Amino acid sequence: MVRHPHCNQFAVVLGRAAIERQSARILAAHASPQVIDALRNTVSTEENISSPSVDAYFRANRAIHRKMVELSDNRYLIEMFDNIWNRAVSYNLFATIANVDLAQSFGDHMRLVDAIESGNPSIALEAIVDHITHGFDLQIKGLETRS
């Protein structure tokens, strides 16, 4: 059994990664100009934060990632996504980034859209895993800073 020092947080991230990887794969395999436009518009709109609070960044990140899952048109992936992101542990884990830098939580969402637009599921999978890993690393830094 693999143990991680931040086991609960790691479990949430692994669940997220599984759902979002599958969504990115589906989107890349069936990328259309309408899907890419919807993703780009969502990223542009949501990353225009007017109040730099944990809540604002959490909601923006959630909206961007949910749009990616939603556009996969798979209701089970959407339900699982909502189940993970609607848990208090997700918000609390995200909030640790405030100890580092909330702006870093955006990572590079447009890079994800570019990867999906490539039409290559492998490129999309790699991009989403890199993005989620970067976010998890920020969260771990935040947890360590808080301790």
N, C-alpha and C. Protein backbone atom coordinates (compact mmCIF):
# COMPACT_ATOMS: atom_id res chain seq x y z
N MET A 1 0.84 -1.17 0.00
CA MET A 1 0.00 0.00 0.00
C MET A 1 0.89 1.24 0.00
N VAL A 2 0.55 2.19 -0.86
CA VAL A 2 1.30 3.44 -0.95
C VAL A 2 0.73 4.42 0.06
N ARG A 3 1.60 4.98 0.90
CA ARG A 3 1.18 5.97 1.89
C ARG A 3 1.84 7.30 1.54
N HIS A 4 1.09 8.33 1.71
CA HIS A 4 1.60 9.68 1.46
C HIS A 4 1.44 10.44 2.76
N PRO A 5 2.39 11.33 3.10
CA PRO A 5 2.28 12.06 4.37
C PRO A 5 0.98 12.86 4.52
N HIS A 6 0.39 13.26 3.42
CA HIS A 6 -0.87 14.00 3.46
C HIS A 6 -1.93 13.14 2.77
N CYS A 7 -2.22 11.99 3.39
CA CYS A 7 -3.01 10.93 2.76
C CYS A 7 -4.39 11.39 2.27
N ASN A 8 -5.17 12.08 3.10
CA ASN A 8 -6.51 12.51 2.68
C ASN A 8 -6.44 13.49 1.51
N GLN A 9 -5.52 14.43 1.61
CA GLN A 9 -5.37 15.40 0.53
C GLN A 9 -4.94 14.70 -0.76
N PHE A 10 -4.03 13.76 -0.63
CA PHE A 10 -3.53 13.03 -1.79
C PHE A 10 -4.65 12.22 -2.43
N ALA A 11 -5.52 11.63 -1.63
CA ALA A 11 -6.65 10.85 -2.15
C ALA A 11 -7.59 11.74 -2.96
N VAL A 12 -7.85 12.94 -2.47
CA VAL A 12 -8.70 13.88 -3.20
C VAL A 12 -8.07 14.23 -4.55
N VAL A 13 -6.78 14.50 -4.53
CA VAL A 13 -6.08 14.87 -5.77
C VAL A 13 -6.06 13.71 -6.76
N LEU A 14 -5.86 12.49 -6.28
CA LEU A 14 -5.88 11.32 -7.18
C LEU A 14 -7.25 11.13 -7.80
N GLY A 15 -8.30 11.32 -7.01
CA GLY A 15 -9.66 11.23 -7.55
C GLY A 15 -9.92 12.28 -8.61
N ARG A 16 -9.52 13.49 -8.30
CA ARG A 16 -9.65 14.59 -9.27
C ARG A 16 -8.90 14.29 -10.55
N ALA A 17 -7.68 13.83 -10.40
CA ALA A 17 -6.85 13.55 -11.58
C ALA A 17 -7.50 12.49 -12.46
N ALA A 18 -8.06 11.46 -11.86
CA ALA A 18 -8.70 10.40 -12.64
C ALA A 18 -9.86 10.94 -13.46
N ILE A 19 -10.70 11.74 -12.82
CA ILE A 19 -11.88 12.30 -13.49
C ILE A 19 -11.46 13.28 -14.58
N GLU A 20 -10.56 14.18 -14.25
CA GLU A 20 -10.19 15.23 -15.20
C GLU A 20 -9.31 14.69 -16.33
N ARG A 21 -8.54 13.65 -16.08
CA ARG A 21 -7.76 13.03 -17.17
C ARG A 21 -8.70 12.43 -18.20
N GLN A 22 -9.71 11.71 -17.71
CA GLN A 22 -10.66 11.09 -18.63
C GLN A 22 -11.40 12.16 -19.43
N SER A 23 -11.79 13.22 -18.77
CA SER A 23 -12.49 14.32 -19.46
C SER A 23 -11.60 14.95 -20.52
N ALA A 24 -10.34 15.21 -20.17
CA ALA A 24 -9.40 15.81 -21.13
C ALA A 24 -9.19 14.88 -22.32
N ARG A 25 -9.11 13.59 -22.06
CA ARG A 25 -8.93 12.62 -23.15
C ARG A 25 -10.12 12.65 -24.10
N ILE A 26 -11.32 12.67 -23.53
CA ILE A 26 -12.54 12.72 -24.35
C ILE A 26 -12.57 14.00 -25.17
N LEU A 27 -12.29 15.13 -24.52
CA LEU A 27 -12.33 16.41 -25.22
C LEU A 27 -11.30 16.47 -26.34
N ALA A 28 -10.09 15.98 -26.08
CA ALA A 28 -9.05 16.02 -27.11
C ALA A 28 -9.43 15.14 -28.30
N ALA A 29 -10.02 14.00 -28.02
CA ALA A 29 -10.38 13.08 -29.10
C ALA A 29 -11.52 13.62 -29.96
N HIS A 30 -12.33 14.51 -29.37
CA HIS A 30 -13.50 15.03 -30.08
C HIS A 30 -13.53 16.56 -30.06
N ALA A 31 -12.35 17.17 -30.06
CA ALA A 31 -12.28 18.63 -29.97
C ALA A 31 -12.96 19.28 -31.17
N SER A 32 -13.83 20.22 -30.86
CA SER A 32 -14.48 21.00 -31.91
C SER A 32 -14.19 22.48 -31.63
N PRO A 33 -14.31 23.32 -32.63
CA PRO A 33 -14.10 24.75 -32.39
C PRO A 33 -15.03 25.31 -31.31
N GLN A 34 -16.25 24.80 -31.23
CA GLN A 34 -17.20 25.28 -30.22
C GLN A 34 -16.72 24.93 -28.81
N VAL A 35 -16.22 23.72 -28.64
CA VAL A 35 -15.71 23.29 -27.33
C VAL A 35 -14.50 24.13 -26.95
N ILE A 36 -13.59 24.31 -27.87
CA ILE A 36 -12.38 25.09 -27.59
C ILE A 36 -12.75 26.53 -27.25
N ASP A 37 -13.68 27.12 -28.00
CA ASP A 37 -14.14 28.49 -27.70
C ASP A 37 -14.77 28.56 -26.31
N ALA A 38 -15.60 27.57 -25.97
CA ALA A 38 -16.24 27.56 -24.65
C ALA A 38 -15.18 27.49 -23.55
N LEU A 39 -14.17 26.67 -23.74
CA LEU A 39 -13.10 26.55 -22.74
C LEU A 39 -12.32 27.86 -22.63
N ARG A 40 -11.93 28.43 -23.75
CA ARG A 40 -11.16 29.68 -23.73
C ARG A 40 -11.97 30.82 -23.08
N ASN A 41 -13.25 30.90 -23.40
CA ASN A 41 -14.11 31.93 -22.80
C ASN A 41 -14.23 31.74 -21.30
N THR A 42 -14.39 30.49 -20.87
CA THR A 42 -14.51 30.22 -19.44
C THR A 42 -13.23 30.60 -18.71
N VAL A 43 -12.08 30.21 -19.25
CA VAL A 43 -10.81 30.54 -18.62
C VAL A 43 -10.64 32.06 -18.54
N SER A 44 -10.88 32.75 -19.64
CA SER A 44 -10.72 34.22 -19.66
C SER A 44 -11.64 34.90 -18.66
N THR A 45 -12.88 34.46 -18.62
CA THR A 45 -13.86 35.06 -17.71
C THR A 45 -13.51 34.78 -16.25
N GLU A 46 -13.24 33.52 -15.94
CA GLU A 46 -13.02 33.13 -14.55
C GLU A 46 -11.70 33.64 -13.99
N GLU A 47 -10.70 33.77 -14.83
CA GLU A 47 -9.41 34.25 -14.33
C GLU A 47 -9.38 35.76 -14.16
N ASN A 48 -10.44 36.44 -14.49
CA ASN A 48 -10.55 37.88 -14.28
C ASN A 48 -11.11 38.13 -12.87
N ILE A 49 -10.28 37.87 -11.88
CA ILE A 49 -10.67 37.96 -10.47
C ILE A 49 -10.70 39.42 -10.03
N SER A 50 -11.83 39.81 -9.45
CA SER A 50 -11.93 41.20 -8.97
C SER A 50 -11.54 41.31 -7.50
N SER A 51 -11.73 40.23 -6.75
CA SER A 51 -11.36 40.26 -5.33
C SER A 51 -10.46 39.06 -5.05
N PRO A 52 -9.22 39.31 -4.69
CA PRO A 52 -8.26 38.21 -4.52
C PRO A 52 -8.45 37.44 -3.20
N SER A 53 -9.59 36.79 -3.06
CA SER A 53 -9.86 36.02 -1.85
C SER A 53 -9.76 34.53 -2.15
N VAL A 54 -9.61 33.73 -1.12
CA VAL A 54 -9.58 32.28 -1.28
C VAL A 54 -10.85 31.83 -1.97
N ASP A 55 -11.98 32.36 -1.55
CA ASP A 55 -13.27 31.97 -2.13
C ASP A 55 -13.33 32.27 -3.62
N ALA A 56 -12.87 33.45 -4.01
CA ALA A 56 -12.91 33.84 -5.43
C ALA A 56 -12.02 32.93 -6.28
N TYR A 57 -10.83 32.64 -5.79
CA TYR A 57 -9.93 31.76 -6.55
C TYR A 57 -10.45 30.33 -6.58
N PHE A 58 -11.02 29.87 -5.47
CA PHE A 58 -11.59 28.51 -5.43
C PHE A 58 -12.72 28.39 -6.45
N ARG A 59 -13.63 29.37 -6.43
CA ARG A 59 -14.77 29.33 -7.36
C ARG A 59 -14.31 29.40 -8.82
N ALA A 60 -13.32 30.24 -9.09
CA ALA A 60 -12.82 30.38 -10.47
C ALA A 60 -12.18 29.07 -10.94
N ASN A 61 -11.33 28.50 -10.11
CA ASN A 61 -10.69 27.23 -10.47
C ASN A 61 -11.72 26.12 -10.64
N ARG A 62 -12.68 26.07 -9.74
CA ARG A 62 -13.72 25.05 -9.83
C ARG A 62 -14.51 25.22 -11.13
N ALA A 63 -14.87 26.44 -11.47
CA ALA A 63 -15.65 26.69 -12.69
C ALA A 63 -14.88 26.29 -13.95
N ILE A 64 -13.59 26.59 -13.98
CA ILE A 64 -12.77 26.23 -15.14
C ILE A 64 -12.69 24.72 -15.29
N HIS A 65 -12.36 24.05 -14.20
CA HIS A 65 -12.21 22.59 -14.27
C HIS A 65 -13.55 21.90 -14.50
N ARG A 66 -14.62 22.44 -13.92
CA ARG A 66 -15.93 21.83 -14.13
C ARG A 66 -16.36 21.96 -15.59
N LYS A 67 -16.05 23.09 -16.21
CA LYS A 67 -16.40 23.28 -17.62
C LYS A 67 -15.71 22.21 -18.47
N MET A 68 -14.46 21.90 -18.15
CA MET A 68 -13.76 20.86 -18.91
C MET A 68 -14.47 19.51 -18.76
N VAL A 69 -14.90 19.21 -17.56
CA VAL A 69 -15.59 17.94 -17.33
C VAL A 69 -16.97 17.97 -17.96
N GLU A 70 -17.67 19.08 -17.78
CA GLU A 70 -19.02 19.24 -18.34
C GLU A 70 -19.03 19.05 -19.86
N LEU A 71 -18.03 19.60 -20.53
CA LEU A 71 -17.98 19.51 -21.99
C LEU A 71 -17.65 18.10 -22.49
N SER A 72 -17.22 17.22 -21.59
CA SER A 72 -17.00 15.82 -21.98
C SER A 72 -18.33 15.13 -22.25
N ASP A 73 -19.41 15.75 -21.75
CA ASP A 73 -20.77 15.25 -21.95
C ASP A 73 -20.96 13.86 -21.35
N ASN A 74 -20.30 13.63 -20.22
CA ASN A 74 -20.42 12.36 -19.51
C ASN A 74 -20.96 12.66 -18.12
N ARG A 75 -22.22 12.37 -17.91
CA ARG A 75 -22.87 12.78 -16.64
C ARG A 75 -22.23 12.12 -15.42
N TYR A 76 -21.66 10.94 -15.59
CA TYR A 76 -21.03 10.27 -14.45
C TYR A 76 -19.73 10.97 -14.04
N LEU A 77 -18.97 11.42 -15.02
CA LEU A 77 -17.77 12.20 -14.70
C LEU A 77 -18.16 13.51 -14.01
N ILE A 78 -19.23 14.14 -14.48
CA ILE A 78 -19.70 15.39 -13.87
C ILE A 78 -20.12 15.14 -12.43
N GLU A 79 -20.88 14.08 -12.19
CA GLU A 79 -21.32 13.76 -10.82
C GLU A 79 -20.12 13.50 -9.90
N MET A 80 -19.14 12.75 -10.40
CA MET A 80 -17.96 12.47 -9.58
C MET A 80 -17.16 13.74 -9.33
N PHE A 81 -17.04 14.59 -10.34
CA PHE A 81 -16.34 15.87 -10.18
C PHE A 81 -17.02 16.69 -9.09
N ASP A 82 -18.34 16.83 -9.19
CA ASP A 82 -19.08 17.61 -8.19
C ASP A 82 -18.94 17.00 -6.80
N ASN A 83 -18.93 15.70 -6.72
CA ASN A 83 -18.79 15.03 -5.43
C ASN A 83 -17.45 15.39 -4.78
N ILE A 84 -16.40 15.44 -5.56
CA ILE A 84 -15.08 15.78 -5.00
C ILE A 84 -14.97 17.27 -4.69
N TRP A 85 -15.33 18.12 -5.63
CA TRP A 85 -15.14 19.56 -5.44
C TRP A 85 -16.13 20.17 -4.45
N ASN A 86 -17.24 19.51 -4.20
CA ASN A 86 -18.22 20.06 -3.26
C ASN A 86 -17.97 19.63 -1.82
N ARG A 87 -16.91 18.95 -1.58
CA ARG A 87 -16.56 18.54 -0.22
C ARG A 87 -15.79 19.66 0.48
N ALA A 88 -16.01 19.78 1.76
CA ALA A 88 -15.30 20.80 2.53
C ALA A 88 -13.80 20.59 2.45
N VAL A 89 -13.36 19.33 2.39
CA VAL A 89 -11.92 19.07 2.33
C VAL A 89 -11.31 19.70 1.08
N SER A 90 -12.05 19.75 -0.02
CA SER A 90 -11.52 20.38 -1.23
C SER A 90 -11.29 21.87 -1.02
N TYR A 91 -12.25 22.54 -0.39
CA TYR A 91 -12.11 23.97 -0.12
C TYR A 91 -10.97 24.21 0.85
N ASN A 92 -10.94 23.43 1.92
CA ASN A 92 -9.89 23.61 2.94
C ASN A 92 -8.51 23.33 2.37
N LEU A 93 -8.41 22.32 1.53
CA LEU A 93 -7.13 22.02 0.89
C LEU A 93 -6.73 23.15 -0.04
N PHE A 94 -7.68 23.65 -0.81
CA PHE A 94 -7.40 24.77 -1.70
C PHE A 94 -6.95 25.99 -0.90
N ALA A 95 -7.59 26.22 0.23
CA ALA A 95 -7.30 27.41 1.04
C ALA A 95 -5.86 27.46 1.51
N THR A 96 -5.19 26.31 1.58
CA THR A 96 -3.79 26.31 2.02
C THR A 96 -2.89 27.10 1.07
N ILE A 97 -3.32 27.23 -0.19
CA ILE A 97 -2.51 27.96 -1.17
C ILE A 97 -2.38 29.43 -0.78
N ALA A 98 -3.34 29.93 0.00
CA ALA A 98 -3.27 31.33 0.45
C ALA A 98 -1.97 31.59 1.20
N ASN A 99 -1.41 30.54 1.81
CA ASN A 99 -0.14 30.67 2.51
C ASN A 99 1.04 30.78 1.54
N VAL A 100 0.80 30.46 0.28
CA VAL A 100 1.85 30.51 -0.74
C VAL A 100 1.57 31.71 -1.65
N ASP A 101 0.63 31.54 -2.58
CA ASP A 101 0.25 32.62 -3.49
C ASP A 101 -0.97 32.15 -4.28
N LEU A 102 -2.12 32.73 -4.00
CA LEU A 102 -3.36 32.32 -4.66
C LEU A 102 -3.29 32.42 -6.17
N ALA A 103 -2.60 33.42 -6.68
CA ALA A 103 -2.53 33.60 -8.14
C ALA A 103 -1.89 32.40 -8.82
N GLN A 104 -1.01 31.70 -8.11
CA GLN A 104 -0.37 30.52 -8.70
C GLN A 104 -1.36 29.38 -8.91
N SER A 105 -2.52 29.46 -8.25
CA SER A 105 -3.51 28.38 -8.39
C SER A 105 -4.06 28.29 -9.80
N PHE A 106 -3.93 29.37 -10.57
CA PHE A 106 -4.42 29.32 -11.94
C PHE A 106 -3.48 28.51 -12.84
N GLY A 107 -2.24 28.32 -12.38
CA GLY A 107 -1.32 27.54 -13.20
C GLY A 107 -1.34 28.10 -14.60
N ASP A 108 -1.62 27.26 -15.54
CA ASP A 108 -1.70 27.71 -16.93
C ASP A 108 -2.88 27.02 -17.59
N HIS A 109 -4.08 27.51 -17.31
CA HIS A 109 -5.29 26.88 -17.85
C HIS A 109 -5.34 26.94 -19.37
N MET A 110 -4.82 28.01 -19.96
CA MET A 110 -4.85 28.10 -21.42
C MET A 110 -3.96 27.02 -22.05
N ARG A 111 -2.91 26.62 -21.35
CA ARG A 111 -2.08 25.52 -21.85
C ARG A 111 -2.91 24.23 -21.92
N LEU A 112 -3.80 24.05 -20.95
CA LEU A 112 -4.69 22.88 -20.98
C LEU A 112 -5.59 22.93 -22.20
N VAL A 113 -6.13 24.11 -22.46
CA VAL A 113 -7.01 24.27 -23.63
C VAL A 113 -6.21 23.99 -24.91
N ASP A 114 -5.00 24.51 -24.99
CA ASP A 114 -4.15 24.25 -26.16
C ASP A 114 -3.90 22.76 -26.33
N ALA A 115 -3.66 22.07 -25.23
CA ALA A 115 -3.41 20.63 -25.29
C ALA A 115 -4.64 19.88 -25.78
N ILE A 116 -5.81 20.28 -25.31
CA ILE A 116 -7.06 19.67 -25.77
C ILE A 116 -7.27 19.96 -27.25
N GLU A 117 -7.01 21.21 -27.63
CA GLU A 117 -7.19 21.62 -29.02
C GLU A 117 -6.28 20.84 -29.98
N SER A 118 -5.16 20.35 -29.47
CA SER A 118 -4.23 19.59 -30.33
C SER A 118 -4.90 18.35 -30.92
N GLY A 119 -5.95 17.88 -30.25
CA GLY A 119 -6.62 16.67 -30.72
C GLY A 119 -5.90 15.39 -30.33
N ASN A 120 -4.81 15.53 -29.60
CA ASN A 120 -4.02 14.38 -29.19
C ASN A 120 -4.30 14.08 -27.72
N PRO A 121 -5.02 12.98 -27.43
CA PRO A 121 -5.36 12.66 -26.04
C PRO A 121 -4.14 12.52 -25.13
N SER A 122 -3.02 12.03 -25.64
CA SER A 122 -1.81 11.88 -24.81
C SER A 122 -1.28 13.23 -24.35
N ILE A 123 -1.30 14.20 -25.25
CA ILE A 123 -0.85 15.55 -24.89
C ILE A 123 -1.79 16.16 -23.86
N ALA A 124 -3.09 15.96 -24.04
CA ALA A 124 -4.08 16.48 -23.09
C ALA A 124 -3.92 15.83 -21.72
N LEU A 125 -3.70 14.52 -21.70
CA LEU A 125 -3.51 13.81 -20.43
C LEU A 125 -2.29 14.34 -19.69
N GLU A 126 -1.20 14.50 -20.41
CA GLU A 126 0.03 14.99 -19.79
C GLU A 126 -0.17 16.40 -19.23
N ALA A 127 -0.85 17.25 -19.97
CA ALA A 127 -1.07 18.63 -19.53
C ALA A 127 -1.92 18.69 -18.27
N ILE A 128 -2.99 17.90 -18.21
CA ILE A 128 -3.87 17.95 -17.03
C ILE A 128 -3.16 17.37 -15.81
N VAL A 129 -2.40 16.30 -16.00
CA VAL A 129 -1.65 15.72 -14.88
C VAL A 129 -0.61 16.71 -14.37
N ASP A 130 0.11 17.37 -15.27
CA ASP A 130 1.09 18.40 -14.86
C ASP A 130 0.40 19.51 -14.08
N HIS A 131 -0.76 19.94 -14.57
CA HIS A 131 -1.49 21.04 -13.93
C HIS A 131 -1.95 20.65 -12.53
N ILE A 132 -2.55 19.48 -12.40
CA ILE A 132 -3.04 19.04 -11.10
C ILE A 132 -1.88 18.79 -10.14
N THR A 133 -0.79 18.24 -10.65
CA THR A 133 0.40 18.02 -9.81
C THR A 133 0.96 19.34 -9.31
N HIS A 134 1.00 20.35 -10.18
CA HIS A 134 1.47 21.68 -9.77
C HIS A 134 0.57 22.23 -8.65
N GLY A 135 -0.74 22.08 -8.81
CA GLY A 135 -1.66 22.55 -7.77
C GLY A 135 -1.47 21.81 -6.46
N PHE A 136 -1.26 20.51 -6.54
CA PHE A 136 -1.03 19.72 -5.32
C PHE A 136 0.27 20.15 -4.65
N ASP A 137 1.31 20.38 -5.43
CA ASP A 137 2.58 20.85 -4.86
C ASP A 137 2.38 22.17 -4.13
N LEU A 138 1.58 23.07 -4.70
CA LEU A 138 1.28 24.35 -4.03
C LEU A 138 0.55 24.10 -2.71
N GLN A 139 -0.39 23.17 -2.73
CA GLN A 139 -1.15 22.86 -1.53
C GLN A 139 -0.25 22.28 -0.44
N ILE A 140 0.65 21.41 -0.81
CA ILE A 140 1.59 20.84 0.17
C ILE A 140 2.48 21.94 0.74
N LYS A 141 2.97 22.84 -0.12
CA LYS A 141 3.76 23.98 0.37
C LYS A 141 2.95 24.79 1.37
N GLY A 142 1.68 25.01 1.03
CA GLY A 142 0.80 25.76 1.92
C GLY A 142 0.59 25.07 3.25
N LEU A 143 0.42 23.75 3.22
CA LEU A 143 0.27 22.99 4.46
C LEU A 143 1.53 23.07 5.31
N GLU A 144 2.68 22.97 4.66
CA GLU A 144 3.95 23.02 5.38
C GLU A 144 4.20 24.42 5.95
N THR A 145 3.80 25.45 5.23
CA THR A 145 3.95 26.83 5.70
C THR A 145 3.06 27.07 6.91
N ARG A 146 1.87 26.45 6.88
CA ARG A 146 0.90 26.63 7.96
C ARG A 146 1.35 25.93 9.24
N SER A 147 2.12 24.87 9.12
CA SER A 147 2.54 24.08 10.29
C SER A 147 3.54 24.80 11.15
